[in-house]
Amino acid sequence: MARGPKPQPAAIKLMKGNPGRRRVVDPTVQAGEAAGKAAPIGKSSELQAPKNLTDAQRAVWDTFVPDLEAMRLMRSTDTAAFARYCVWTVKWNEAERALRRAKLVTVTESDHVTMERMSKWLMVMIHIDKRLGDIEERFGMNPSARQRIFAQLASLQPSLPLAAAGELDQPASKPAPAPTAPVSASPVGLLN
């Protein structure tokens, strides 16, 4: 569970100014370039799509995976989660095509009342859209999510397994020892 407001894209931060004087990652710089390496956006991916994807789902995979991999936002352990994104994207497109043929609102009648209801296809699209939004947030597929992920990657210490050797310039610092409070035998002492 995240605390506080969602992070703003770097472009908006730069337009508003930087009163906190914190480092802002330039939005024109890709993830690999920020680490001193050029990111080959759009090149072929080394990650293989799961074999159970249909042709339409594979097209979604082929569209996004090379860029996500080049920005270091996707690894081999993410293939199952991103395959779900591909499946849900195709289902959303199918629901959108069905909604074009149907009405947005349908009228239902009973003995006592006539009601207008949202189309079932619109409700399906809304449900799928929420799922897609959650997955897109995890994979950094919108500017705010990318900014948050890049900030987290920049704060990693080299001693952590997620940071590649030599990838980060920051020296590892030891955390300060937690202050210990005197132990009181009385529960009243805890309230003071």
N, C-alpha and C. Protein backbone atom coordinates (compact mmCIF):
# COMPACT_ATOMS: atom_id res chain seq x y z
N MET A 1 0.84 -1.17 0.00
CA MET A 1 0.00 0.00 0.00
C MET A 1 0.89 1.23 0.00
N ALA A 2 0.69 2.10 -0.99
CA ALA A 2 1.51 3.29 -1.11
C ALA A 2 0.99 4.38 -0.18
N ARG A 3 1.91 5.19 0.30
CA ARG A 3 1.52 6.31 1.16
C ARG A 3 1.70 7.60 0.38
N GLY A 4 0.82 8.52 0.61
CA GLY A 4 0.93 9.82 -0.01
C GLY A 4 0.41 9.82 -1.45
N PRO A 5 0.51 10.97 -2.09
CA PRO A 5 0.02 11.07 -3.47
C PRO A 5 0.93 10.32 -4.43
N LYS A 6 0.37 9.96 -5.59
CA LYS A 6 1.18 9.29 -6.61
C LYS A 6 2.21 10.28 -7.13
N PRO A 7 3.40 9.80 -7.51
CA PRO A 7 4.42 10.71 -8.02
C PRO A 7 4.01 11.32 -9.35
N GLN A 8 4.45 12.54 -9.57
CA GLN A 8 4.16 13.23 -10.80
C GLN A 8 5.25 12.93 -11.82
N PRO A 9 4.93 12.99 -13.11
CA PRO A 9 5.96 12.81 -14.12
C PRO A 9 7.03 13.89 -13.99
N ALA A 10 8.24 13.58 -14.44
CA ALA A 10 9.37 14.50 -14.32
C ALA A 10 9.10 15.80 -15.08
N ALA A 11 8.42 15.72 -16.21
CA ALA A 11 8.15 16.93 -16.99
C ALA A 11 7.31 17.93 -16.19
N ILE A 12 6.34 17.43 -15.45
CA ILE A 12 5.49 18.31 -14.64
C ILE A 12 6.30 18.87 -13.48
N LYS A 13 7.14 18.03 -12.86
CA LYS A 13 7.99 18.52 -11.77
C LYS A 13 8.90 19.65 -12.25
N LEU A 14 9.47 19.48 -13.43
CA LEU A 14 10.38 20.50 -13.96
C LEU A 14 9.63 21.79 -14.27
N MET A 15 8.39 21.70 -14.76
CA MET A 15 7.61 22.91 -15.05
C MET A 15 7.24 23.65 -13.78
N LYS A 16 6.92 22.92 -12.70
CA LYS A 16 6.54 23.55 -11.44
C LYS A 16 7.74 24.11 -10.69
N GLY A 17 8.92 23.65 -11.03
CA GLY A 17 10.10 24.05 -10.29
C GLY A 17 10.47 22.94 -9.32
N ASN A 18 11.58 23.11 -8.66
CA ASN A 18 12.08 22.07 -7.77
C ASN A 18 12.41 22.67 -6.41
N PRO A 19 11.39 23.02 -5.61
CA PRO A 19 11.66 23.69 -4.34
C PRO A 19 12.41 22.81 -3.34
N GLY A 20 12.26 21.49 -3.41
CA GLY A 20 12.94 20.61 -2.48
C GLY A 20 14.37 20.32 -2.87
N ARG A 21 14.76 20.75 -4.07
CA ARG A 21 16.12 20.57 -4.58
C ARG A 21 16.51 19.09 -4.67
N ARG A 22 15.53 18.23 -4.80
CA ARG A 22 15.83 16.81 -4.98
C ARG A 22 16.14 16.55 -6.45
N ARG A 23 16.87 15.47 -6.68
CA ARG A 23 17.24 15.13 -8.05
C ARG A 23 15.99 14.71 -8.82
N VAL A 24 15.81 15.26 -10.01
CA VAL A 24 14.70 14.90 -10.87
C VAL A 24 15.29 14.25 -12.11
N VAL A 25 14.82 13.04 -12.43
CA VAL A 25 15.31 12.36 -13.61
C VAL A 25 14.71 13.04 -14.84
N ASP A 26 15.56 13.39 -15.78
CA ASP A 26 15.13 14.07 -16.99
C ASP A 26 14.21 13.14 -17.79
N PRO A 27 12.99 13.59 -18.17
CA PRO A 27 12.06 12.69 -18.86
C PRO A 27 12.54 12.30 -20.25
N THR A 28 13.46 13.05 -20.85
CA THR A 28 13.94 12.71 -22.18
C THR A 28 15.01 11.65 -22.15
N VAL A 29 15.51 11.33 -20.95
CA VAL A 29 16.56 10.32 -20.81
C VAL A 29 15.92 8.99 -20.47
N GLN A 30 16.31 7.95 -21.17
CA GLN A 30 15.77 6.62 -20.91
C GLN A 30 16.45 6.03 -19.69
N ALA A 31 15.93 4.94 -19.21
CA ALA A 31 16.45 4.32 -17.98
C ALA A 31 17.91 3.92 -18.12
N GLY A 32 18.28 3.30 -19.21
CA GLY A 32 19.64 2.87 -19.40
C GLY A 32 20.60 4.03 -19.52
N GLU A 33 20.15 5.13 -20.14
CA GLU A 33 21.00 6.30 -20.30
C GLU A 33 21.28 6.95 -18.96
N ALA A 34 20.29 6.88 -18.04
CA ALA A 34 20.49 7.47 -16.71
C ALA A 34 21.59 6.73 -15.96
N ALA A 35 21.79 5.46 -16.26
CA ALA A 35 22.84 4.68 -15.62
C ALA A 35 24.14 4.75 -16.40
N GLY A 36 24.16 5.59 -17.47
CA GLY A 36 25.38 5.75 -18.25
C GLY A 36 25.47 4.82 -19.43
N LYS A 37 24.41 4.11 -19.74
CA LYS A 37 24.40 3.21 -20.87
C LYS A 37 23.24 3.58 -21.78
N ALA A 38 23.46 3.53 -23.07
CA ALA A 38 22.40 3.84 -24.02
C ALA A 38 21.40 2.70 -24.04
N ALA A 39 20.12 3.05 -24.04
CA ALA A 39 19.07 2.03 -24.06
C ALA A 39 18.59 1.86 -25.49
N PRO A 40 18.75 0.68 -26.08
CA PRO A 40 18.33 0.47 -27.46
C PRO A 40 16.83 0.24 -27.53
N ILE A 41 16.05 1.32 -27.55
CA ILE A 41 14.60 1.22 -27.56
C ILE A 41 14.14 0.67 -28.91
N GLY A 42 13.21 -0.27 -28.87
CA GLY A 42 12.61 -0.79 -30.08
C GLY A 42 13.35 -1.97 -30.70
N LYS A 43 14.45 -2.41 -30.15
CA LYS A 43 15.17 -3.55 -30.71
C LYS A 43 14.47 -4.83 -30.32
N SER A 44 14.85 -5.91 -30.97
CA SER A 44 14.20 -7.19 -30.70
C SER A 44 14.48 -7.65 -29.27
N SER A 45 13.52 -8.33 -28.72
CA SER A 45 13.59 -8.76 -27.33
C SER A 45 14.21 -10.15 -27.24
N GLU A 46 14.93 -10.37 -26.15
CA GLU A 46 15.46 -11.69 -25.88
C GLU A 46 14.47 -12.54 -25.10
N LEU A 47 13.45 -11.90 -24.53
CA LEU A 47 12.44 -12.64 -23.78
C LEU A 47 11.48 -13.32 -24.75
N GLN A 48 11.17 -14.56 -24.45
CA GLN A 48 10.27 -15.32 -25.31
C GLN A 48 8.86 -15.27 -24.74
N ALA A 49 7.89 -15.05 -25.62
CA ALA A 49 6.49 -15.04 -25.21
C ALA A 49 6.06 -16.46 -24.85
N PRO A 50 5.16 -16.60 -23.87
CA PRO A 50 4.64 -17.93 -23.56
C PRO A 50 3.94 -18.53 -24.78
N LYS A 51 4.02 -19.82 -24.92
CA LYS A 51 3.49 -20.49 -26.11
C LYS A 51 1.97 -20.51 -26.16
N ASN A 52 1.30 -20.27 -25.04
CA ASN A 52 -0.16 -20.33 -25.02
C ASN A 52 -0.83 -19.04 -25.50
N LEU A 53 -0.06 -18.01 -25.88
CA LEU A 53 -0.65 -16.77 -26.37
C LEU A 53 -1.17 -16.95 -27.79
N THR A 54 -2.33 -16.34 -28.07
CA THR A 54 -2.87 -16.35 -29.43
C THR A 54 -2.09 -15.36 -30.28
N ASP A 55 -2.41 -15.31 -31.58
CA ASP A 55 -1.70 -14.38 -32.47
C ASP A 55 -1.93 -12.93 -32.06
N ALA A 56 -3.17 -12.59 -31.67
CA ALA A 56 -3.47 -11.21 -31.25
C ALA A 56 -2.74 -10.87 -29.96
N GLN A 57 -2.70 -11.82 -29.03
CA GLN A 57 -1.99 -11.59 -27.76
C GLN A 57 -0.49 -11.50 -28.01
N ARG A 58 0.02 -12.28 -28.93
CA ARG A 58 1.44 -12.23 -29.28
C ARG A 58 1.79 -10.88 -29.90
N ALA A 59 0.87 -10.30 -30.66
CA ALA A 59 1.11 -8.98 -31.25
C ALA A 59 1.26 -7.92 -30.16
N VAL A 60 0.45 -8.02 -29.10
CA VAL A 60 0.58 -7.09 -27.97
C VAL A 60 1.95 -7.29 -27.31
N TRP A 61 2.34 -8.54 -27.12
CA TRP A 61 3.65 -8.87 -26.53
C TRP A 61 4.76 -8.23 -27.36
N ASP A 62 4.73 -8.46 -28.66
CA ASP A 62 5.79 -7.96 -29.55
C ASP A 62 5.82 -6.44 -29.60
N THR A 63 4.70 -5.79 -29.33
CA THR A 63 4.65 -4.33 -29.35
C THR A 63 5.36 -3.73 -28.14
N PHE A 64 5.14 -4.29 -26.95
CA PHE A 64 5.61 -3.64 -25.73
C PHE A 64 6.89 -4.21 -25.13
N VAL A 65 7.10 -5.50 -25.24
CA VAL A 65 8.21 -6.15 -24.52
C VAL A 65 9.59 -5.61 -24.90
N PRO A 66 9.90 -5.38 -26.18
CA PRO A 66 11.25 -4.87 -26.47
C PRO A 66 11.56 -3.55 -25.76
N ASP A 67 10.60 -2.63 -25.73
CA ASP A 67 10.84 -1.35 -25.06
C ASP A 67 10.95 -1.52 -23.55
N LEU A 68 10.08 -2.34 -22.96
CA LEU A 68 10.14 -2.56 -21.52
C LEU A 68 11.45 -3.22 -21.12
N GLU A 69 11.91 -4.15 -21.94
CA GLU A 69 13.17 -4.83 -21.65
C GLU A 69 14.35 -3.87 -21.80
N ALA A 70 14.30 -3.00 -22.81
CA ALA A 70 15.38 -2.04 -23.02
C ALA A 70 15.45 -1.04 -21.87
N MET A 71 14.31 -0.70 -21.28
CA MET A 71 14.29 0.22 -20.15
C MET A 71 14.56 -0.50 -18.83
N ARG A 72 14.81 -1.79 -18.92
CA ARG A 72 15.07 -2.63 -17.75
C ARG A 72 13.88 -2.69 -16.79
N LEU A 73 12.69 -2.64 -17.35
CA LEU A 73 11.48 -2.73 -16.54
C LEU A 73 10.86 -4.12 -16.62
N MET A 74 11.45 -5.00 -17.44
CA MET A 74 10.92 -6.35 -17.57
C MET A 74 12.06 -7.34 -17.65
N ARG A 75 11.90 -8.42 -16.92
CA ARG A 75 12.88 -9.51 -16.90
C ARG A 75 12.16 -10.82 -17.15
N SER A 76 12.91 -11.89 -17.20
CA SER A 76 12.31 -13.20 -17.51
C SER A 76 11.30 -13.62 -16.44
N THR A 77 11.47 -13.15 -15.22
CA THR A 77 10.53 -13.52 -14.16
C THR A 77 9.18 -12.81 -14.31
N ASP A 78 9.10 -11.83 -15.19
CA ASP A 78 7.87 -11.07 -15.39
C ASP A 78 7.01 -11.59 -16.54
N THR A 79 7.44 -12.65 -17.21
CA THR A 79 6.74 -13.07 -18.42
C THR A 79 5.30 -13.51 -18.14
N ALA A 80 5.05 -14.21 -17.06
CA ALA A 80 3.68 -14.66 -16.77
C ALA A 80 2.75 -13.47 -16.49
N ALA A 81 3.25 -12.50 -15.74
CA ALA A 81 2.41 -11.33 -15.43
C ALA A 81 2.14 -10.52 -16.70
N PHE A 82 3.15 -10.38 -17.55
CA PHE A 82 2.92 -9.59 -18.77
C PHE A 82 2.08 -10.38 -19.77
N ALA A 83 2.14 -11.69 -19.75
CA ALA A 83 1.26 -12.49 -20.60
C ALA A 83 -0.20 -12.24 -20.22
N ARG A 84 -0.46 -12.11 -18.90
CA ARG A 84 -1.83 -11.77 -18.47
C ARG A 84 -2.24 -10.41 -19.02
N TYR A 85 -1.31 -9.47 -19.03
CA TYR A 85 -1.61 -8.15 -19.60
C TYR A 85 -2.01 -8.30 -21.07
N CYS A 86 -1.29 -9.12 -21.81
CA CYS A 86 -1.60 -9.33 -23.23
C CYS A 86 -2.99 -9.94 -23.40
N VAL A 87 -3.32 -10.92 -22.56
CA VAL A 87 -4.64 -11.56 -22.62
C VAL A 87 -5.73 -10.53 -22.33
N TRP A 88 -5.56 -9.74 -21.27
CA TRP A 88 -6.58 -8.75 -20.90
C TRP A 88 -6.70 -7.65 -21.95
N THR A 89 -5.60 -7.28 -22.59
CA THR A 89 -5.67 -6.25 -23.63
C THR A 89 -6.50 -6.74 -24.81
N VAL A 90 -6.31 -7.96 -25.22
CA VAL A 90 -7.09 -8.52 -26.33
C VAL A 90 -8.56 -8.62 -25.93
N LYS A 91 -8.84 -9.04 -24.70
CA LYS A 91 -10.24 -9.11 -24.24
C LYS A 91 -10.88 -7.72 -24.22
N TRP A 92 -10.12 -6.70 -23.82
CA TRP A 92 -10.64 -5.33 -23.81
C TRP A 92 -10.98 -4.90 -25.23
N ASN A 93 -10.11 -5.23 -26.20
CA ASN A 93 -10.38 -4.89 -27.60
C ASN A 93 -11.62 -5.60 -28.12
N GLU A 94 -11.80 -6.86 -27.73
CA GLU A 94 -13.00 -7.60 -28.14
C GLU A 94 -14.26 -6.96 -27.55
N ALA A 95 -14.22 -6.58 -26.30
CA ALA A 95 -15.37 -5.93 -25.67
C ALA A 95 -15.65 -4.58 -26.32
N GLU A 96 -14.60 -3.88 -26.70
CA GLU A 96 -14.79 -2.56 -27.34
C GLU A 96 -15.45 -2.74 -28.71
N ARG A 97 -15.06 -3.76 -29.47
CA ARG A 97 -15.70 -4.02 -30.76
C ARG A 97 -17.17 -4.40 -30.56
N ALA A 98 -17.48 -5.21 -29.54
CA ALA A 98 -18.86 -5.59 -29.26
C ALA A 98 -19.68 -4.38 -28.82
N LEU A 99 -19.05 -3.46 -28.08
CA LEU A 99 -19.76 -2.26 -27.63
C LEU A 99 -20.10 -1.35 -28.80
N ARG A 100 -19.26 -1.33 -29.82
CA ARG A 100 -19.56 -0.51 -31.01
C ARG A 100 -20.83 -1.00 -31.69
N ARG A 101 -21.07 -2.30 -31.65
CA ARG A 101 -22.28 -2.86 -32.28
C ARG A 101 -23.50 -2.73 -31.38
N ALA A 102 -23.31 -2.59 -30.09
CA ALA A 102 -24.41 -2.53 -29.13
C ALA A 102 -24.66 -1.08 -28.71
N LYS A 103 -25.69 -0.90 -27.91
CA LYS A 103 -26.00 0.41 -27.35
C LYS A 103 -25.30 0.56 -26.01
N LEU A 104 -24.96 1.81 -25.65
CA LEU A 104 -24.34 2.06 -24.35
C LEU A 104 -25.31 1.79 -23.21
N VAL A 105 -26.59 2.08 -23.46
CA VAL A 105 -27.62 1.92 -22.43
C VAL A 105 -28.73 1.04 -23.00
N THR A 106 -29.15 0.05 -22.24
CA THR A 106 -30.28 -0.79 -22.64
C THR A 106 -31.44 -0.53 -21.69
N VAL A 107 -32.63 -0.68 -22.20
CA VAL A 107 -33.84 -0.44 -21.40
C VAL A 107 -34.42 -1.80 -21.03
N THR A 108 -34.66 -1.99 -19.73
CA THR A 108 -35.30 -3.22 -19.25
C THR A 108 -36.63 -2.84 -18.63
N GLU A 109 -37.59 -3.71 -18.81
CA GLU A 109 -38.93 -3.43 -18.29
C GLU A 109 -39.38 -4.60 -17.42
N SER A 110 -40.12 -4.25 -16.40
CA SER A 110 -40.78 -5.27 -15.57
C SER A 110 -42.23 -4.81 -15.38
N ASP A 111 -42.97 -5.50 -14.56
CA ASP A 111 -44.37 -5.13 -14.33
C ASP A 111 -44.50 -3.77 -13.67
N HIS A 112 -43.49 -3.38 -12.90
CA HIS A 112 -43.62 -2.18 -12.09
C HIS A 112 -42.76 -1.01 -12.56
N VAL A 113 -41.70 -1.28 -13.27
CA VAL A 113 -40.77 -0.20 -13.57
C VAL A 113 -40.05 -0.44 -14.90
N THR A 114 -39.66 0.66 -15.52
CA THR A 114 -38.81 0.62 -16.70
C THR A 114 -37.47 1.24 -16.30
N MET A 115 -36.38 0.51 -16.54
CA MET A 115 -35.06 0.98 -16.10
C MET A 115 -34.09 1.04 -17.27
N GLU A 116 -33.18 2.00 -17.19
CA GLU A 116 -32.07 2.06 -18.13
C GLU A 116 -30.84 1.48 -17.45
N ARG A 117 -30.16 0.58 -18.13
CA ARG A 117 -28.97 -0.06 -17.56
C ARG A 117 -27.80 0.11 -18.52
N MET A 118 -26.60 0.16 -17.92
CA MET A 118 -25.40 0.20 -18.75
C MET A 118 -25.29 -1.10 -19.52
N SER A 119 -24.72 -1.00 -20.70
CA SER A 119 -24.50 -2.18 -21.50
C SER A 119 -23.56 -3.14 -20.78
N LYS A 120 -23.79 -4.41 -20.95
CA LYS A 120 -22.91 -5.40 -20.31
C LYS A 120 -21.49 -5.28 -20.87
N TRP A 121 -21.37 -4.88 -22.13
CA TRP A 121 -20.03 -4.74 -22.72
C TRP A 121 -19.30 -3.55 -22.13
N LEU A 122 -20.03 -2.50 -21.81
CA LEU A 122 -19.40 -1.35 -21.16
C LEU A 122 -18.92 -1.74 -19.76
N MET A 123 -19.72 -2.52 -19.04
CA MET A 123 -19.31 -2.96 -17.70
C MET A 123 -18.09 -3.88 -17.78
N VAL A 124 -18.04 -4.73 -18.80
CA VAL A 124 -16.88 -5.60 -19.00
C VAL A 124 -15.65 -4.75 -19.28
N MET A 125 -15.79 -3.74 -20.13
CA MET A 125 -14.65 -2.87 -20.46
C MET A 125 -14.14 -2.12 -19.23
N ILE A 126 -15.05 -1.64 -18.40
CA ILE A 126 -14.66 -0.93 -17.18
C ILE A 126 -13.89 -1.87 -16.25
N HIS A 127 -14.38 -3.10 -16.09
CA HIS A 127 -13.72 -4.08 -15.23
C HIS A 127 -12.31 -4.41 -15.76
N ILE A 128 -12.21 -4.67 -17.05
CA ILE A 128 -10.91 -5.00 -17.65
C ILE A 128 -9.98 -3.80 -17.58
N ASP A 129 -10.53 -2.61 -17.78
CA ASP A 129 -9.70 -1.40 -17.74
C ASP A 129 -9.02 -1.23 -16.38
N LYS A 130 -9.72 -1.57 -15.30
CA LYS A 130 -9.11 -1.50 -13.97
C LYS A 130 -7.96 -2.47 -13.84
N ARG A 131 -8.15 -3.69 -14.34
CA ARG A 131 -7.08 -4.69 -14.29
C ARG A 131 -5.88 -4.24 -15.11
N LEU A 132 -6.14 -3.73 -16.32
CA LEU A 132 -5.05 -3.27 -17.18
C LEU A 132 -4.30 -2.11 -16.53
N GLY A 133 -5.03 -1.21 -15.90
CA GLY A 133 -4.39 -0.08 -15.22
C GLY A 133 -3.45 -0.53 -14.12
N ASP A 134 -3.87 -1.54 -13.35
CA ASP A 134 -3.01 -2.06 -12.29
C ASP A 134 -1.74 -2.68 -12.86
N ILE A 135 -1.89 -3.46 -13.92
CA ILE A 135 -0.72 -4.11 -14.52
C ILE A 135 0.19 -3.07 -15.16
N GLU A 136 -0.39 -2.07 -15.84
CA GLU A 136 0.41 -1.02 -16.46
C GLU A 136 1.21 -0.25 -15.40
N GLU A 137 0.60 -0.04 -14.24
CA GLU A 137 1.29 0.64 -13.15
C GLU A 137 2.51 -0.16 -12.70
N ARG A 138 2.35 -1.48 -12.60
CA ARG A 138 3.46 -2.33 -12.15
C ARG A 138 4.61 -2.36 -13.14
N PHE A 139 4.29 -2.29 -14.44
CA PHE A 139 5.32 -2.37 -15.45
C PHE A 139 5.83 -1.01 -15.91
N GLY A 140 5.39 0.06 -15.28
CA GLY A 140 5.89 1.38 -15.64
C GLY A 140 5.43 1.83 -17.02
N MET A 141 4.19 1.52 -17.36
CA MET A 141 3.70 1.83 -18.70
C MET A 141 2.96 3.16 -18.75
N ASN A 142 3.15 4.00 -17.75
CA ASN A 142 2.69 5.38 -17.81
C ASN A 142 3.79 6.24 -17.17
N PRO A 143 3.83 7.53 -17.48
CA PRO A 143 4.95 8.36 -17.03
C PRO A 143 5.14 8.39 -15.52
N SER A 144 4.07 8.47 -14.76
CA SER A 144 4.20 8.53 -13.30
C SER A 144 4.78 7.24 -12.74
N ALA A 145 4.31 6.12 -13.25
CA ALA A 145 4.81 4.83 -12.78
C ALA A 145 6.28 4.66 -13.14
N ARG A 146 6.65 5.08 -14.35
CA ARG A 146 8.06 4.98 -14.76
C ARG A 146 8.93 5.83 -13.85
N GLN A 147 8.49 7.04 -13.54
CA GLN A 147 9.25 7.92 -12.68
C GLN A 147 9.45 7.29 -11.30
N ARG A 148 8.39 6.69 -10.77
CA ARG A 148 8.48 6.05 -9.46
C ARG A 148 9.45 4.87 -9.50
N ILE A 149 9.36 4.06 -10.55
CA ILE A 149 10.24 2.89 -10.67
C ILE A 149 11.69 3.33 -10.83
N PHE A 150 11.95 4.34 -11.66
CA PHE A 150 13.32 4.81 -11.86
C PHE A 150 13.89 5.40 -10.57
N ALA A 151 13.05 6.09 -9.80
CA ALA A 151 13.52 6.65 -8.53
C ALA A 151 13.87 5.52 -7.56
N GLN A 152 13.05 4.46 -7.55
CA GLN A 152 13.35 3.32 -6.69
C GLN A 152 14.64 2.62 -7.12
N LEU A 153 14.83 2.47 -8.43
CA LEU A 153 16.05 1.84 -8.92
C LEU A 153 17.28 2.68 -8.60
N ALA A 154 17.14 4.00 -8.67
CA ALA A 154 18.26 4.88 -8.38
C ALA A 154 18.65 4.83 -6.91
N SER A 155 17.71 4.51 -6.05
CA SER A 155 17.99 4.48 -4.62
C SER A 155 18.53 3.13 -4.15
N LEU A 156 18.57 2.13 -5.03
CA LEU A 156 19.08 0.82 -4.64
C LEU A 156 20.55 0.89 -4.29
N GLN A 157 20.94 0.14 -3.30
CA GLN A 157 22.35 0.05 -2.91
C GLN A 157 23.00 -1.07 -3.72
N PRO A 158 24.29 -0.95 -4.05
CA PRO A 158 24.95 -1.99 -4.83
C PRO A 158 24.97 -3.35 -4.14
N SER A 159 24.80 -3.39 -2.85
CA SER A 159 24.85 -4.67 -2.15
C SER A 159 23.56 -5.47 -2.34
N LEU A 160 22.51 -4.85 -2.85
CA LEU A 160 21.26 -5.56 -3.04
C LEU A 160 21.32 -6.41 -4.30
N PRO A 161 20.64 -7.55 -4.32
CA PRO A 161 20.72 -8.43 -5.48
C PRO A 161 20.08 -7.84 -6.72
N LEU A 162 19.18 -6.85 -6.58
CA LEU A 162 18.52 -6.28 -7.75
C LEU A 162 19.42 -5.34 -8.52
N ALA A 163 20.43 -4.80 -7.89
CA ALA A 163 21.34 -3.89 -8.57
C ALA A 163 22.51 -4.69 -9.12
N ALA A 164 22.76 -4.52 -10.41
CA ALA A 164 23.87 -5.24 -11.04
C ALA A 164 25.19 -4.66 -10.56
N ALA A 165 26.22 -5.46 -10.56
CA ALA A 165 27.53 -5.01 -10.08
C ALA A 165 28.03 -3.87 -10.94
N GLY A 166 28.44 -2.79 -10.31
CA GLY A 166 28.96 -1.63 -11.02
C GLY A 166 27.89 -0.77 -11.67
N GLU A 167 26.63 -1.14 -11.53
CA GLU A 167 25.55 -0.40 -12.18
C GLU A 167 25.27 0.91 -11.46
N LEU A 168 25.45 0.92 -10.16
CA LEU A 168 25.16 2.10 -9.38
C LEU A 168 26.44 2.65 -8.78
N ASP A 169 26.57 3.96 -8.75
CA ASP A 169 27.79 4.59 -8.27
C ASP A 169 27.77 4.85 -6.78
N GLN A 170 26.62 4.74 -6.13
CA GLN A 170 26.50 5.11 -4.73
C GLN A 170 27.18 4.08 -3.84
N PRO A 171 28.00 4.52 -2.89
CA PRO A 171 28.59 3.56 -1.97
C PRO A 171 27.55 3.08 -0.98
N ALA A 172 27.68 1.85 -0.56
CA ALA A 172 26.75 1.29 0.42
C ALA A 172 27.04 1.93 1.78
N SER A 173 26.00 2.38 2.43
CA SER A 173 26.18 2.98 3.75
C SER A 173 25.50 2.10 4.78
N LYS A 174 26.10 2.04 5.96
CA LYS A 174 25.52 1.23 7.02
C LYS A 174 24.39 2.00 7.67
N PRO A 175 23.26 1.33 7.94
CA PRO A 175 22.17 2.03 8.61
C PRO A 175 22.56 2.35 10.05
N ALA A 176 22.07 3.48 10.52
CA ALA A 176 22.36 3.89 11.89
C ALA A 176 21.68 2.93 12.86
N PRO A 177 22.34 2.56 13.95
CA PRO A 177 21.70 1.65 14.89
C PRO A 177 20.48 2.32 15.52
N ALA A 178 19.44 1.52 15.71
CA ALA A 178 18.20 2.04 16.29
C ALA A 178 18.44 2.36 17.76
N PRO A 179 17.97 3.53 18.20
CA PRO A 179 18.13 3.87 19.61
C PRO A 179 17.27 2.95 20.47
N THR A 180 17.82 2.54 21.56
CA THR A 180 17.07 1.66 22.46
C THR A 180 16.56 2.48 23.64
N ALA A 181 15.30 2.29 23.94
CA ALA A 181 14.68 2.99 25.06
C ALA A 181 14.88 2.16 26.32
N PRO A 182 15.01 2.80 27.47
CA PRO A 182 15.14 2.03 28.70
C PRO A 182 13.87 1.23 28.95
N VAL A 183 14.05 0.00 29.37
CA VAL A 183 12.92 -0.90 29.61
C VAL A 183 12.39 -0.63 31.01
N SER A 184 11.09 -0.42 31.09
CA SER A 184 10.45 -0.16 32.36
C SER A 184 9.69 -1.39 32.80
N ALA A 185 9.73 -1.68 34.07
CA ALA A 185 9.01 -2.83 34.60
C ALA A 185 7.53 -2.54 34.73
N SER A 186 7.17 -1.28 34.82
CA SER A 186 5.79 -0.89 35.00
C SER A 186 5.17 -0.51 33.64
N PRO A 187 3.91 -0.94 33.36
CA PRO A 187 3.26 -0.54 32.13
C PRO A 187 3.01 0.97 32.07
N VAL A 188 2.96 1.64 33.21
CA VAL A 188 2.78 3.08 33.23
C VAL A 188 3.98 3.79 32.63
N GLY A 189 5.16 3.20 32.79
CA GLY A 189 6.38 3.78 32.25
C GLY A 189 6.35 3.85 30.72
N LEU A 190 5.60 2.94 30.10
CA LEU A 190 5.49 2.96 28.64
C LEU A 190 4.67 4.14 28.16
N LEU A 191 3.76 4.62 28.97
CA LEU A 191 2.88 5.72 28.58
C LEU A 191 3.56 7.07 28.69
N ASN A 192 4.65 7.16 29.41
CA ASN A 192 5.33 8.45 29.57
C ASN A 192 6.09 8.83 28.35
